[in-house]
């Protein structure tokens, strides 16, 4: 008999929907962001440098279908039978005219082997007409909408120049989930001004939302961002976790989360040439092993300290 899992893993979640292996292929569809073009603000969020998550095949000037074909070639040698999810990742992937958005999503779905979409966006960029379109699309294909939540504290959201409040996130997540669409969230653990205690308290706030999936990662200071400049000027405002501290934070956080939320990842890896700190030198799977080892030592599991 297999042991009860310590937390809900993303690969097990995907197996509920697909009888074969699926892999996300990141896309840059040429979107911008309301926090960059002046409709909400300029300069973007203080931590943001989109180069940190754009793979080499993912360049704005390339058509979506070409990015997907290049991404498929990258993965196909390992698993020839693999299918793919088109992951609209860079910037705000619901920010544009409805017809233009539809063309981009449908171009991705028309590529051979693409079996669904993952759309990353901001909670203040989900107009009703787009949500109605996605509600209909969801009846025909796998769809996950992933919102950048980043923090549940308005004070933090202001500090990082996010351009919206946590209540905006609550509304977007509830509206999306009410349409029957799988709804994910993304948070950054360790933003300036936040402590172990306030970060763990965030897990309770997120657990009240109808989230299906959650991604978390450590705060990373990236070259060329406003936050890197803030750190240079006032390092005492930041607490950059060492790896053991962060493992303990993740374990505590996961124990306070609703037991059914699917945890997609705990850490992010930025390119070495862009990363200022912290540089732990660990791959994602190596970090996951450390979390699992610590959870076993503490007899911890997802939802152990969760309170309705």
Foldseek 3Di string as FASTA:
>chain_A
DDDDDQAFAPVVVVVVPDVFAEDEQEEAQPDAECCPPVVQHHQAFQQDDQQQPADPLHDNVDQLLSSVVVSCVVPCVPPVPYAYEYEHDGYALLPDDLVVSVVNQVSQVPHPRHFYYEGEHALVRCDPVNLVVVLVVVVPGAYEYEHEQAFQDQVLCVVRSVRDHNVSVLVSQQSNVVSVHAYEYEYEPFRFPDDLVRRLVRQQVVQVGPHQEYEYAYRWHWPPGNVVVVCVVPVVRGDHDALVRLLVSVLSSQLAHDRRHHYHFYHGDGPPVTTDDDDNPDDRVRSVVVSSVVCVVVVHGGNNNYDD
